[in-house]
N, C-alpha and C. Protein backbone atom coordinates (compact mmCIF):
# COMPACT_ATOMS: atom_id res chain seq x y z
N UNK A 1 -25.05 -24.57 0.77
CA UNK A 1 -23.84 -25.29 1.09
C UNK A 1 -24.12 -26.36 2.18
N UNK A 2 -24.99 -26.06 3.13
CA UNK A 2 -25.29 -27.00 4.17
C UNK A 2 -25.91 -28.26 3.61
N UNK A 3 -26.87 -28.13 2.65
CA UNK A 3 -27.50 -29.27 2.07
C UNK A 3 -26.50 -30.19 1.35
N UNK A 4 -25.51 -29.60 0.66
CA UNK A 4 -24.51 -30.40 -0.04
C UNK A 4 -23.70 -31.17 0.96
N UNK A 5 -23.38 -30.62 2.10
CA UNK A 5 -22.62 -31.33 3.12
C UNK A 5 -23.40 -32.52 3.64
N UNK A 6 -24.71 -32.33 3.84
CA UNK A 6 -25.54 -33.43 4.32
C UNK A 6 -25.61 -34.58 3.32
N UNK A 7 -25.73 -34.22 2.05
CA UNK A 7 -25.76 -35.25 0.99
C UNK A 7 -24.45 -36.03 0.99
N UNK A 8 -23.33 -35.33 1.13
CA UNK A 8 -22.04 -36.01 1.16
C UNK A 8 -21.97 -36.96 2.37
N UNK A 9 -22.48 -36.50 3.50
CA UNK A 9 -22.46 -37.35 4.70
C UNK A 9 -23.27 -38.62 4.47
N UNK A 10 -24.43 -38.47 3.86
CA UNK A 10 -25.29 -39.61 3.60
C UNK A 10 -24.61 -40.58 2.63
N UNK A 11 -24.02 -40.03 1.58
CA UNK A 11 -23.37 -40.85 0.56
C UNK A 11 -22.19 -41.60 1.18
N UNK A 12 -21.42 -40.95 2.05
CA UNK A 12 -20.27 -41.61 2.68
C UNK A 12 -20.70 -42.66 3.68
N UNK A 13 -21.95 -42.61 4.12
CA UNK A 13 -22.45 -43.62 5.05
C UNK A 13 -22.88 -44.88 4.35
N UNK A 14 -23.11 -44.81 3.08
CA UNK A 14 -23.60 -45.97 2.32
C UNK A 14 -22.43 -46.83 1.87
N UNK A 15 -22.56 -48.15 2.11
CA UNK A 15 -21.50 -49.08 1.75
C UNK A 15 -22.05 -50.13 0.79
N UNK A 16 -21.22 -50.63 -0.10
CA UNK A 16 -21.57 -51.75 -0.96
C UNK A 16 -21.40 -53.04 -0.14
N UNK A 17 -21.81 -54.13 -0.73
CA UNK A 17 -21.67 -55.42 -0.02
C UNK A 17 -20.20 -55.75 0.18
N UNK A 18 -19.35 -55.42 -0.79
CA UNK A 18 -17.93 -55.68 -0.63
C UNK A 18 -17.32 -54.89 0.52
N UNK A 19 -17.72 -53.63 0.65
CA UNK A 19 -17.22 -52.80 1.72
C UNK A 19 -17.73 -53.31 3.06
N UNK A 20 -18.99 -53.71 3.12
CA UNK A 20 -19.58 -54.21 4.36
C UNK A 20 -18.91 -55.55 4.76
N UNK A 21 -18.61 -56.42 3.75
CA UNK A 21 -17.92 -57.66 4.03
C UNK A 21 -16.60 -57.41 4.70
N UNK A 22 -15.82 -56.46 4.19
CA UNK A 22 -14.54 -56.12 4.78
C UNK A 22 -14.70 -55.50 6.16
N UNK A 23 -15.66 -54.60 6.30
CA UNK A 23 -15.90 -53.88 7.54
C UNK A 23 -16.28 -54.88 8.65
N UNK A 24 -17.18 -55.85 8.35
CA UNK A 24 -17.63 -56.81 9.29
C UNK A 24 -16.79 -58.07 9.37
N UNK A 25 -15.87 -58.20 8.44
CA UNK A 25 -15.05 -59.39 8.32
C UNK A 25 -15.88 -60.64 8.24
N UNK A 26 -16.82 -60.61 7.27
CA UNK A 26 -17.70 -61.74 7.00
C UNK A 26 -17.56 -62.15 5.53
N UNK A 27 -17.93 -63.37 5.26
CA UNK A 27 -17.96 -63.84 3.87
C UNK A 27 -19.24 -63.27 3.22
N UNK A 28 -19.22 -63.22 1.92
CA UNK A 28 -20.41 -62.74 1.15
C UNK A 28 -21.63 -63.62 1.49
N UNK A 29 -21.43 -64.93 1.54
CA UNK A 29 -22.54 -65.85 1.81
C UNK A 29 -23.17 -65.56 3.16
N UNK A 30 -22.35 -65.35 4.22
CA UNK A 30 -22.85 -65.10 5.54
C UNK A 30 -23.60 -63.76 5.58
N UNK A 31 -22.97 -62.75 5.01
CA UNK A 31 -23.57 -61.41 5.02
C UNK A 31 -24.91 -61.38 4.27
N UNK A 32 -24.97 -62.04 3.12
CA UNK A 32 -26.25 -62.14 2.41
C UNK A 32 -27.31 -62.88 3.20
N UNK A 33 -26.92 -63.97 3.78
CA UNK A 33 -27.88 -64.78 4.60
C UNK A 33 -28.45 -63.90 5.74
N UNK A 34 -27.59 -63.26 6.49
CA UNK A 34 -28.03 -62.41 7.59
C UNK A 34 -28.87 -61.23 7.11
N UNK A 35 -28.51 -60.68 5.98
CA UNK A 35 -29.26 -59.55 5.42
C UNK A 35 -30.66 -59.99 5.02
N UNK A 36 -30.76 -61.15 4.37
CA UNK A 36 -32.06 -61.66 3.96
C UNK A 36 -32.96 -62.03 5.15
N UNK A 37 -32.33 -62.42 6.25
CA UNK A 37 -33.03 -62.78 7.48
C UNK A 37 -33.39 -61.52 8.29
N UNK A 38 -32.94 -60.36 7.88
CA UNK A 38 -33.25 -59.12 8.58
C UNK A 38 -32.42 -58.92 9.84
N UNK A 39 -31.33 -59.59 9.94
CA UNK A 39 -30.47 -59.55 11.17
C UNK A 39 -29.37 -58.48 11.06
N UNK A 40 -29.24 -57.86 9.93
CA UNK A 40 -28.27 -56.78 9.75
C UNK A 40 -28.99 -55.46 9.72
N UNK A 41 -28.79 -54.66 10.74
CA UNK A 41 -29.41 -53.33 10.79
C UNK A 41 -28.84 -52.43 9.69
N UNK A 42 -29.70 -51.70 9.02
CA UNK A 42 -29.20 -50.78 8.00
C UNK A 42 -28.95 -51.42 6.65
N UNK A 43 -29.35 -52.69 6.46
CA UNK A 43 -29.21 -53.36 5.18
C UNK A 43 -30.49 -53.18 4.36
N UNK A 44 -30.31 -52.81 3.10
CA UNK A 44 -31.46 -52.68 2.22
C UNK A 44 -31.03 -52.95 0.79
N UNK A 45 -32.02 -53.30 -0.02
CA UNK A 45 -31.75 -53.54 -1.44
C UNK A 45 -32.05 -52.31 -2.26
N UNK A 46 -31.13 -52.00 -3.14
CA UNK A 46 -31.30 -50.89 -4.08
C UNK A 46 -31.27 -51.55 -5.44
N UNK A 47 -32.45 -51.81 -6.00
CA UNK A 47 -32.55 -52.61 -7.22
C UNK A 47 -32.18 -54.05 -6.89
N UNK A 48 -31.15 -54.55 -7.53
CA UNK A 48 -30.68 -55.91 -7.26
C UNK A 48 -29.48 -55.98 -6.34
N UNK A 49 -29.04 -54.81 -5.91
CA UNK A 49 -27.80 -54.74 -5.10
C UNK A 49 -28.11 -54.40 -3.66
N UNK A 50 -27.34 -54.98 -2.76
CA UNK A 50 -27.48 -54.68 -1.32
C UNK A 50 -26.64 -53.46 -1.00
N UNK A 51 -27.14 -52.63 -0.11
CA UNK A 51 -26.43 -51.49 0.42
C UNK A 51 -26.53 -51.53 1.96
N UNK A 52 -25.54 -50.95 2.60
CA UNK A 52 -25.48 -50.99 4.07
C UNK A 52 -25.12 -49.64 4.63
N UNK A 53 -25.74 -49.30 5.75
CA UNK A 53 -25.46 -48.04 6.43
C UNK A 53 -24.24 -48.28 7.39
N UNK A 54 -23.17 -47.50 7.13
CA UNK A 54 -21.98 -47.64 7.98
C UNK A 54 -22.32 -47.32 9.44
N UNK A 55 -23.13 -46.30 9.66
CA UNK A 55 -23.52 -45.88 10.98
C UNK A 55 -24.29 -46.99 11.72
N UNK A 56 -25.24 -47.62 10.98
CA UNK A 56 -26.06 -48.70 11.60
C UNK A 56 -25.17 -49.92 11.89
N UNK A 57 -24.24 -50.21 11.01
CA UNK A 57 -23.36 -51.35 11.26
C UNK A 57 -22.48 -51.08 12.48
N UNK A 58 -21.99 -49.87 12.63
CA UNK A 58 -21.18 -49.53 13.77
C UNK A 58 -21.99 -49.62 15.05
N UNK A 59 -23.23 -49.11 15.03
CA UNK A 59 -24.13 -49.25 16.18
C UNK A 59 -24.34 -50.70 16.55
N UNK A 60 -24.55 -51.53 15.52
CA UNK A 60 -24.79 -52.96 15.76
C UNK A 60 -23.53 -53.61 16.40
N UNK A 61 -22.37 -53.28 15.91
CA UNK A 61 -21.13 -53.80 16.45
C UNK A 61 -20.93 -53.39 17.91
N UNK A 62 -21.26 -52.11 18.18
CA UNK A 62 -21.10 -51.58 19.54
C UNK A 62 -22.19 -52.03 20.50
N UNK A 63 -23.18 -52.72 19.92
CA UNK A 63 -24.25 -53.28 20.79
C UNK A 63 -25.35 -52.27 21.11
N UNK A 64 -25.43 -51.18 20.33
CA UNK A 64 -26.43 -50.15 20.59
C UNK A 64 -27.80 -50.56 20.04
N UNK A 65 -27.81 -51.49 19.03
CA UNK A 65 -29.07 -51.98 18.45
C UNK A 65 -29.02 -53.49 18.38
N UNK A 66 -30.18 -54.07 18.36
CA UNK A 66 -30.25 -55.57 18.31
C UNK A 66 -30.37 -56.00 16.87
């Protein structure tokens, strides 16, 4: 049961580009540009799609990571 909870936590931490756009209040163009430049912590490509870590985005917003 503990492992299933951890998997759920990880899955709920993953955001699509649309969710990240809303969360960061950025346009798709800006978010993609910053992601490609490596300026968005927790951004990674899964196949052809971008995914974002909610936890890393929150840390970035709060100034905990550069």
